[in-house]
Amino acid sequence: MNFSNRNIIKHDYSLTFSKYKLSALSIDLLMSLISEINNEDKEFNIYEFKLSDLEKKLNKKIEKKYLINAARELRNTEIIITNEDQETIITSWVTTIIFNSDNSKSTIFKLKIDNDLKPYLLQLKNNFVLYYLNEISSLQSEYTKRIYTLFRQKAKIKKFKINVEYLMNILCVPESYNQYKIFKSRVINNSIKNINEKTSLDVSFKEVKNGRKVIELEFFIKEKKNNKKFNNKNGVKALNNWLEK
């Protein structure tokens, strides 16, 4: 199955709060694959594309060696999911990677998503989040992309609290970020700044303390009403059109 111009990503809530560590390019590649899933699909296709196709879909230049590394990372990296029954599932994102060895932009890549992810990506009727590929791919770091999906999932309720240690854990931040001051500066502040600049969301937060220690973050999420491209009316229309396909 070749890449299309589909721009909407749909996945189960459980994936938002799953634990995994991927590079920014690996996340972009993964979300490009997920955007190709149709509502009626009962099985995962083998997604076939050229490097130039992915560049067009993501609107960015990509070197072949980095794309190969990203694909291998999707194959080799564990994702740890806790489902509604409080079961823990440990799997990988993709099971198959095929590509030829020439160095041209016409190199064909073939990837298949792991079947263990069917309950979280196929035939979803409820408890799913929708967002735009062009928004998440415009963000800089892997942490910003992950946090964006969390904000997208919680956008309807407009505010939510999350435990700091839990957030650090699912983002798989390095030990050097375990000190809250560093985590706040390099992950939270940078992510919110990038999300507010590049997406249709406007996000702020406040700290919740137990004594002097910050234990939770409370985020406040708004849609940018003055943004013609991403206002609620247009966004709902686009999503509804996609859901009807």
C-alpha atoms as a PDB file:
ATOM      1  CA  MET A   1       0.000   0.000   0.000  1.00  0.00           C
ATOM      2  CA  ASN A   2       1.542   3.320  -1.100  1.00  0.00           C
ATOM      3  CA  PHE A   3       1.503   6.540   0.897  1.00  0.00           C
ATOM      4  CA  SER A   4      -1.398   8.928   0.382  1.00  0.00           C
ATOM      5  CA  ASN A   5      -1.922  12.536   1.482  1.00  0.00           C
ATOM      6  CA  ARG A   6      -3.891  11.458   4.558  1.00  0.00           C
ATOM      7  CA  ASN A   7      -3.182  13.794   7.449  1.00  0.00           C
ATOM      8  CA  ILE A   8      -5.238  12.496  10.393  1.00  0.00           C
ATOM      9  CA  ILE A   9      -3.935  10.139  13.071  1.00  0.00           C
ATOM     10  CA  LYS A  10      -6.253   7.993  15.160  1.00  0.00           C
ATOM     11  CA  HIS A  11      -5.257   5.725  18.023  1.00  0.00           C
ATOM     12  CA  ASP A  12      -6.517   4.341  21.306  1.00  0.00           C
ATOM     13  CA  TYR A  13      -6.042   6.321  24.511  1.00  0.00           C
ATOM     14  CA  SER A  14      -3.724   3.607  25.851  1.00  0.00           C
ATOM     15  CA  LEU A  15      -0.992   4.484  23.364  1.00  0.00           C
ATOM     16  CA  THR A  16      -0.848   8.075  24.605  1.00  0.00           C
ATOM     17  CA  PHE A  17       0.150   6.917  28.071  1.00  0.00           C
ATOM     18  CA  SER A  18       2.282   3.971  27.005  1.00  0.00           C
ATOM     19  CA  LYS A  19       5.968   3.870  27.860  1.00  0.00           C
ATOM     20  CA  TYR A  20       8.526   4.032  25.056  1.00  0.00           C
ATOM     21  CA  LYS A  21      11.578   5.909  23.861  1.00  0.00           C
ATOM     22  CA  LEU A  22      11.774   6.876  20.178  1.00  0.00           C
ATOM     23  CA  SER A  23      13.668   9.562  18.306  1.00  0.00           C
ATOM     24  CA  ALA A  24      11.769  12.455  16.740  1.00  0.00           C
ATOM     25  CA  LEU A  25      12.187  10.980  13.237  1.00  0.00           C
ATOM     26  CA  SER A  26      11.008   7.557  14.405  1.00  0.00           C
ATOM     27  CA  ILE A  27       7.851   9.151  15.811  1.00  0.00           C
ATOM     28  CA  ASP A  28       7.271  11.002  12.523  1.00  0.00           C
ATOM     29  CA  LEU A  29       7.692   7.755  10.584  1.00  0.00           C
ATOM     30  CA  LEU A  30       5.373   5.898  12.962  1.00  0.00           C
ATOM     31  CA  MET A  31       2.668   8.553  12.745  1.00  0.00           C
ATOM     32  CA  SER A  32       2.962   8.550   8.945  1.00  0.00           C
ATOM     33  CA  LEU A  33       2.226   4.812   8.995  1.00  0.00           C
ATOM     34  CA  ILE A  34      -0.699   5.223  11.407  1.00  0.00           C
ATOM     35  CA  SER A  35      -2.181   8.006   9.264  1.00  0.00           C
ATOM     36  CA  GLU A  36      -2.506   5.489   6.402  1.00  0.00           C
ATOM     37  CA  ILE A  37      -4.859   3.209   8.369  1.00  0.00           C
ATOM     38  CA  ASN A  38      -8.449   3.280   7.126  1.00  0.00           C
ATOM     39  CA  ASN A  39     -11.434   3.042   9.445  1.00  0.00           C
ATOM     40  CA  GLU A  40     -12.564  -0.188   7.782  1.00  0.00           C
ATOM     41  CA  ASP A  41      -9.166  -1.935   7.933  1.00  0.00           C
ATOM     42  CA  LYS A  42      -9.247  -5.244   9.817  1.00  0.00           C
ATOM     43  CA  GLU A  43      -5.594  -6.097   9.241  1.00  0.00           C
ATOM     44  CA  PHE A  44      -2.436  -4.034   8.948  1.00  0.00           C
ATOM     45  CA  ASN A  45      -1.193  -3.507   5.424  1.00  0.00           C
ATOM     46  CA  ILE A  46       2.439  -3.528   4.404  1.00  0.00           C
ATOM     47  CA  TYR A  47       3.043   0.166   3.847  1.00  0.00           C
ATOM     48  CA  GLU A  48       5.273   0.794   0.844  1.00  0.00           C
ATOM     49  CA  PHE A  49       6.872   4.141   0.113  1.00  0.00           C
ATOM     50  CA  LYS A  50       9.876   5.901  -1.341  1.00  0.00           C
ATOM     51  CA  LEU A  51      12.088   8.209   0.690  1.00  0.00           C
ATOM     52  CA  SER A  52      10.824  11.074  -1.484  1.00  0.00           C
ATOM     53  CA  ASP A  53       7.204  10.085  -0.643  1.00  0.00           C
ATOM     54  CA  LEU A  54       7.900  10.358   3.079  1.00  0.00           C
ATOM     55  CA  GLU A  55       9.661  13.684   2.595  1.00  0.00           C
ATOM     56  CA  LYS A  56       6.606  14.995   0.781  1.00  0.00           C
ATOM     57  CA  LYS A  57       4.220  13.658   3.426  1.00  0.00           C
ATOM     58  CA  LEU A  58       6.213  15.195   6.288  1.00  0.00           C
ATOM     59  CA  ASN A  59       7.318  18.299   4.375  1.00  0.00           C
ATOM     60  CA  LYS A  60      10.958  17.871   5.398  1.00  0.00           C
ATOM     61  CA  LYS A  61      14.219  16.548   3.979  1.00  0.00           C
ATOM     62  CA  ILE A  62      15.406  13.176   5.312  1.00  0.00           C
ATOM     63  CA  GLU A  63      18.683  11.347   4.711  1.00  0.00           C
ATOM     64  CA  LYS A  64      18.312   7.675   3.858  1.00  0.00           C
ATOM     65  CA  LYS A  65      20.667   6.508   6.631  1.00  0.00           C
ATOM     66  CA  TYR A  66      18.563   8.303   9.243  1.00  0.00           C
ATOM     67  CA  LEU A  67      15.368   6.814   7.856  1.00  0.00           C
ATOM     68  CA  ILE A  68      16.884   3.332   8.056  1.00  0.00           C
ATOM     69  CA  ASN A  69      17.873   3.994  11.676  1.00  0.00           C
ATOM     70  CA  ALA A  70      14.355   5.240  12.440  1.00  0.00           C
ATOM     71  CA  ALA A  71      12.773   2.125  10.914  1.00  0.00           C
ATOM     72  CA  ARG A  72      15.109  -0.138  12.870  1.00  0.00           C
ATOM     73  CA  GLU A  73      14.274   1.764  16.043  1.00  0.00           C
ATOM     74  CA  LEU A  74      10.557   1.066  15.460  1.00  0.00           C
ATOM     75  CA  ARG A  75      11.454  -2.625  15.087  1.00  0.00           C
ATOM     76  CA  ASN A  76      13.756  -2.866  18.095  1.00  0.00           C
ATOM     77  CA  THR A  77      12.199  -0.535  20.673  1.00  0.00           C
ATOM     78  CA  GLU A  78       9.823  -1.884  23.317  1.00  0.00           C
ATOM     79  CA  ILE A  79       6.481  -0.223  23.858  1.00  0.00           C
ATOM     80  CA  ILE A  80       4.873  -0.975  27.212  1.00  0.00           C
ATOM     81  CA  ILE A  81       1.081  -0.590  27.211  1.00  0.00           C
ATOM     82  CA  THR A  82      -1.327  -0.837  30.137  1.00  0.00           C
ATOM     83  CA  ASN A  83      -4.814  -1.625  28.837  1.00  0.00           C
ATOM     84  CA  GLU A  84      -8.265  -1.064  30.359  1.00  0.00           C
ATOM     85  CA  ASP A  85      -8.052  -4.408  32.187  1.00  0.00           C
ATOM     86  CA  GLN A  86      -4.784  -3.263  33.792  1.00  0.00           C
ATOM     87  CA  GLU A  87      -2.852  -5.839  31.799  1.00  0.00           C
ATOM     88  CA  THR A  88       0.667  -4.942  30.691  1.00  0.00           C
ATOM     89  CA  ILE A  89       1.554  -5.625  27.065  1.00  0.00           C
ATOM     90  CA  ILE A  90       5.173  -5.397  25.903  1.00  0.00           C
ATOM     91  CA  THR A  91       5.653  -5.395  22.151  1.00  0.00           C
ATOM     92  CA  SER A  92       7.335  -3.490  19.305  1.00  0.00           C
ATOM     93  CA  TRP A  93       5.932  -1.001  16.799  1.00  0.00           C
ATOM     94  CA  VAL A  94       6.748  -2.834  13.569  1.00  0.00           C
ATOM     95  CA  THR A  95       7.583  -6.431  12.740  1.00  0.00           C
ATOM     96  CA  THR A  96       8.864  -6.165   9.181  1.00  0.00           C
ATOM     97  CA  ILE A  97      11.264  -3.781   7.432  1.00  0.00           C
ATOM     98  CA  ILE A  98      12.245  -4.280   3.789  1.00  0.00           C
ATOM     99  CA  PHE A  99      14.325  -1.935   1.636  1.00  0.00           C
ATOM    100  CA  ASN A 100      16.861  -2.165  -1.170  1.00  0.00           C
ATOM    101  CA  SER A 101      20.440  -0.979  -0.887  1.00  0.00           C
ATOM    102  CA  ASP A 102      20.767   1.705  -3.552  1.00  0.00           C
ATOM    103  CA  ASN A 103      21.355   5.291  -2.478  1.00  0.00           C
ATOM    104  CA  SER A 104      18.694   7.040  -4.528  1.00  0.00           C
ATOM    105  CA  LYS A 105      15.521   8.794  -3.429  1.00  0.00           C
ATOM    106  CA  SER A 106      13.640   6.036  -5.276  1.00  0.00           C
ATOM    107  CA  THR A 107      14.629   3.405  -2.699  1.00  0.00           C
ATOM    108  CA  ILE A 108      11.491   1.464  -1.756  1.00  0.00           C
ATOM    109  CA  PHE A 109      10.767   0.909   1.937  1.00  0.00           C
ATOM    110  CA  LYS A 110       8.179  -1.575   3.205  1.00  0.00           C
ATOM    111  CA  LEU A 111       7.032  -1.628   6.833  1.00  0.00           C
ATOM    112  CA  LYS A 112       4.335  -3.579   8.672  1.00  0.00           C
ATOM    113  CA  ILE A 113       2.912  -2.639  12.072  1.00  0.00           C
ATOM    114  CA  ASP A 114       3.032  -5.317  14.774  1.00  0.00           C
ATOM    115  CA  ASN A 115      -0.241  -7.277  15.065  1.00  0.00           C
ATOM    116  CA  ASP A 116      -0.178  -6.858  18.847  1.00  0.00           C
ATOM    117  CA  LEU A 117      -1.206  -3.244  18.203  1.00  0.00           C
ATOM    118  CA  LYS A 118      -4.474  -4.132  16.441  1.00  0.00           C
ATOM    119  CA  PRO A 119      -6.654  -3.343  19.509  1.00  0.00           C
ATOM    120  CA  TYR A 120      -5.104   0.132  19.684  1.00  0.00           C
ATOM    121  CA  LEU A 121      -5.158   1.109  15.988  1.00  0.00           C
ATOM    122  CA  LEU A 122      -7.836  -0.845  14.105  1.00  0.00           C
ATOM    123  CA  GLN A 123     -11.653  -0.705  14.136  1.00  0.00           C
ATOM    124  CA  LEU A 124     -11.721   1.863  16.959  1.00  0.00           C
ATOM    125  CA  LYS A 125     -15.208   2.900  18.050  1.00  0.00           C
ATOM    126  CA  ASN A 126     -14.511   4.783  21.285  1.00  0.00           C
ATOM    127  CA  ASN A 127     -11.709   5.905  23.605  1.00  0.00           C
ATOM    128  CA  PHE A 128      -9.553   7.195  20.774  1.00  0.00           C
ATOM    129  CA  VAL A 129      -7.737  10.438  20.066  1.00  0.00           C
ATOM    130  CA  LEU A 130      -7.544  12.265  16.728  1.00  0.00           C
ATOM    131  CA  TYR A 131      -4.930  14.772  15.627  1.00  0.00           C
ATOM    132  CA  TYR A 132      -3.050  16.022  12.584  1.00  0.00           C
ATOM    133  CA  LEU A 133       0.158  14.554  11.157  1.00  0.00           C
ATOM    134  CA  ASN A 134       1.326  17.957   9.909  1.00  0.00           C
ATOM    135  CA  GLU A 135       1.072  19.343  13.455  1.00  0.00           C
ATOM    136  CA  ILE A 136       2.992  16.606  15.251  1.00  0.00           C
ATOM    137  CA  SER A 137       5.635  16.402  12.512  1.00  0.00           C
ATOM    138  CA  SER A 138       6.275  20.160  12.798  1.00  0.00           C
ATOM    139  CA  LEU A 139       7.402  19.748  16.415  1.00  0.00           C
ATOM    140  CA  GLN A 140      11.084  19.466  17.245  1.00  0.00           C
ATOM    141  CA  SER A 141      11.863  16.920  19.940  1.00  0.00           C
ATOM    142  CA  GLU A 142      10.597  13.454  20.751  1.00  0.00           C
ATOM    143  CA  TYR A 143       9.370  14.723  24.122  1.00  0.00           C
ATOM    144  CA  THR A 144       7.405  17.568  22.545  1.00  0.00           C
ATOM    145  CA  LYS A 145       5.718  15.159  20.134  1.00  0.00           C
ATOM    146  CA  ARG A 146       4.752  12.815  22.983  1.00  0.00           C
ATOM    147  CA  ILE A 147       3.443  15.660  25.143  1.00  0.00           C
ATOM    148  CA  TYR A 148       1.474  17.037  22.195  1.00  0.00           C
ATOM    149  CA  THR A 149      -0.435  13.745  21.880  1.00  0.00           C
ATOM    150  CA  LEU A 150      -1.233  13.931  25.580  1.00  0.00           C
ATOM    151  CA  PHE A 151      -2.573  17.491  25.189  1.00  0.00           C
ATOM    152  CA  ARG A 152      -4.611  16.441  22.165  1.00  0.00           C
ATOM    153  CA  GLN A 153      -6.211  13.636  24.138  1.00  0.00           C
ATOM    154  CA  LYS A 154      -7.107  15.963  27.004  1.00  0.00           C
ATOM    155  CA  ALA A 155      -8.104  18.990  24.889  1.00  0.00           C
ATOM    156  CA  LYS A 156     -11.837  18.414  25.283  1.00  0.00           C
ATOM    157  CA  ILE A 157     -11.711  18.627  29.079  1.00  0.00           C
ATOM    158  CA  LYS A 158      -9.397  21.672  28.792  1.00  0.00           C
ATOM    159  CA  LYS A 159      -7.358  20.966  31.913  1.00  0.00           C
ATOM    160  CA  PHE A 160      -5.839  17.985  33.680  1.00  0.00           C
ATOM    161  CA  LYS A 161      -3.238  17.047  36.272  1.00  0.00           C
ATOM    162  CA  ILE A 162      -0.449  14.527  35.869  1.00  0.00           C
ATOM    163  CA  ASN A 163       2.104  13.228  38.347  1.00  0.00           C
ATOM    164  CA  VAL A 164       5.623  14.454  37.520  1.00  0.00           C
ATOM    165  CA  GLU A 165       7.359  11.131  38.183  1.00  0.00           C
ATOM    166  CA  TYR A 166       4.758   9.268  36.135  1.00  0.00           C
ATOM    167  CA  LEU A 167       5.244  11.677  33.218  1.00  0.00           C
ATOM    168  CA  MET A 168       9.023  11.292  33.403  1.00  0.00           C
ATOM    169  CA  ASN A 169       8.572   7.509  33.400  1.00  0.00           C
ATOM    170  CA  ILE A 170       6.350   7.204  30.313  1.00  0.00           C
ATOM    171  CA  LEU A 171       8.542   9.685  28.410  1.00  0.00           C
ATOM    172  CA  CYS A 172      11.639   7.614  29.321  1.00  0.00           C
ATOM    173  CA  VAL A 173      13.691  10.718  30.095  1.00  0.00           C
ATOM    174  CA  PRO A 174      17.386  10.121  30.898  1.00  0.00           C
ATOM    175  CA  GLU A 175      18.610  10.144  34.494  1.00  0.00           C
ATOM    176  CA  SER A 176      20.140  13.571  33.938  1.00  0.00           C
ATOM    177  CA  TYR A 177      16.571  14.923  33.585  1.00  0.00           C
ATOM    178  CA  ASN A 178      15.271  13.376  36.812  1.00  0.00           C
ATOM    179  CA  GLN A 179      15.909  16.594  38.716  1.00  0.00           C
ATOM    180  CA  TYR A 180      12.663  18.535  38.339  1.00  0.00           C
ATOM    181  CA  LYS A 181      14.330  21.871  37.562  1.00  0.00           C
ATOM    182  CA  ILE A 182      16.115  20.324  34.562  1.00  0.00           C
ATOM    183  CA  PHE A 183      13.009  18.403  33.443  1.00  0.00           C
ATOM    184  CA  LYS A 184      10.915  21.567  33.610  1.00  0.00           C
ATOM    185  CA  SER A 185      13.445  23.623  31.641  1.00  0.00           C
ATOM    186  CA  ARG A 186      14.399  21.122  28.932  1.00  0.00           C
ATOM    187  CA  VAL A 187      11.172  19.179  28.487  1.00  0.00           C
ATOM    188  CA  ILE A 188       8.110  21.012  29.792  1.00  0.00           C
ATOM    189  CA  ASN A 189       8.980  24.639  28.996  1.00  0.00           C
ATOM    190  CA  ASN A 190      10.528  23.826  25.619  1.00  0.00           C
ATOM    191  CA  SER A 191       7.615  21.589  24.660  1.00  0.00           C
ATOM    192  CA  ILE A 192       4.927  24.112  25.554  1.00  0.00           C
ATOM    193  CA  LYS A 193       6.769  26.887  23.719  1.00  0.00           C
ATOM    194  CA  ASN A 194       7.099  24.747  20.573  1.00  0.00           C
ATOM    195  CA  ILE A 195       3.495  23.477  20.725  1.00  0.00           C
ATOM    196  CA  ASN A 196       2.108  26.982  21.195  1.00  0.00           C
ATOM    197  CA  GLU A 197       4.142  28.254  18.236  1.00  0.00           C
ATOM    198  CA  LYS A 198       3.539  25.393  15.785  1.00  0.00           C
ATOM    199  CA  THR A 199       0.102  23.913  16.495  1.00  0.00           C
ATOM    200  CA  SER A 200      -3.521  24.909  16.974  1.00  0.00           C
ATOM    201  CA  LEU A 201      -3.206  24.486  20.745  1.00  0.00           C
ATOM    202  CA  ASP A 202      -2.509  27.151  23.344  1.00  0.00           C
ATOM    203  CA  VAL A 203      -1.168  25.530  26.515  1.00  0.00           C
ATOM    204  CA  SER A 204      -0.098  26.785  29.938  1.00  0.00           C
ATOM    205  CA  PHE A 205       0.556  25.042  33.247  1.00  0.00           C
ATOM    206  CA  LYS A 206       1.003  25.479  36.960  1.00  0.00           C
ATOM    207  CA  GLU A 207       2.888  23.430  39.531  1.00  0.00           C
ATOM    208  CA  VAL A 208       1.205  21.476  42.312  1.00  0.00           C
ATOM    209  CA  LYS A 209       3.432  21.117  45.375  1.00  0.00           C
ATOM    210  CA  ASN A 210       3.621  18.937  48.447  1.00  0.00           C
ATOM    211  CA  GLY A 211       5.612  21.191  50.734  1.00  0.00           C
ATOM    212  CA  ARG A 212       8.471  22.469  48.606  1.00  0.00           C
ATOM    213  CA  LYS A 213       8.437  19.533  46.182  1.00  0.00           C
ATOM    214  CA  VAL A 214       6.581  19.754  42.844  1.00  0.00           C
ATOM    215  CA  ILE A 215       4.593  16.519  42.598  1.00  0.00           C
ATOM    216  CA  GLU A 216       2.090  17.299  39.842  1.00  0.00           C
ATOM    217  CA  LEU A 217       1.642  19.559  36.851  1.00  0.00           C
ATOM    218  CA  GLU A 218      -1.749  20.991  35.961  1.00  0.00           C
ATOM    219  CA  PHE A 219      -2.084  21.836  32.279  1.00  0.00           C
ATOM    220  CA  PHE A 220      -4.623  24.206  30.722  1.00  0.00           C
ATOM    221  CA  ILE A 221      -5.436  23.658  27.035  1.00  0.00           C
ATOM    222  CA  LYS A 222      -7.248  25.906  24.573  1.00  0.00           C
ATOM    223  CA  GLU A 223      -7.851  25.749  20.835  1.00  0.00           C
ATOM    224  CA  LYS A 224      -6.705  28.846  18.950  1.00  0.00           C
ATOM    225  CA  LYS A 225      -9.954  30.398  17.746  1.00  0.00           C
ATOM    226  CA  ASN A 226      -8.217  33.096  15.692  1.00  0.00           C
ATOM    227  CA  ASN A 227      -6.324  30.539  13.616  1.00  0.00           C
ATOM    228  CA  LYS A 228      -8.309  30.058  10.380  1.00  0.00           C
ATOM    229  CA  LYS A 229      -6.462  26.898   9.493  1.00  0.00           C
ATOM    230  CA  PHE A 230      -7.040  25.172  12.815  1.00  0.00           C
ATOM    231  CA  ASN A 231     -10.166  26.718  14.328  1.00  0.00           C
ATOM    232  CA  ASN A 232     -12.693  24.381  15.938  1.00  0.00           C
ATOM    233  CA  LYS A 233     -15.233  24.610  13.130  1.00  0.00           C
ATOM    234  CA  ASN A 234     -12.743  23.677  10.439  1.00  0.00           C
ATOM    235  CA  GLY A 235     -11.120  21.053  12.634  1.00  0.00           C
ATOM    236  CA  VAL A 236     -14.395  19.321  13.433  1.00  0.00           C
ATOM    237  CA  LYS A 237     -15.434  19.420   9.773  1.00  0.00           C
ATOM    238  CA  ALA A 238     -12.141  17.878   8.664  1.00  0.00           C
ATOM    239  CA  LEU A 239     -12.323  15.138  11.265  1.00  0.00           C
ATOM    240  CA  ASN A 240     -15.958  14.357  10.523  1.00  0.00           C
ATOM    241  CA  ASN A 241     -15.201  14.101   6.804  1.00  0.00           C
ATOM    242  CA  TRP A 242     -12.385  11.682   7.585  1.00  0.00           C
ATOM    243  CA  LEU A 243     -14.499   9.582   9.952  1.00  0.00           C
ATOM    244  CA  GLU A 244     -17.107   9.128   7.224  1.00  0.00           C
ATOM    245  CA  LYS A 245     -14.567   7.644   4.806  1.00  0.00           C
END
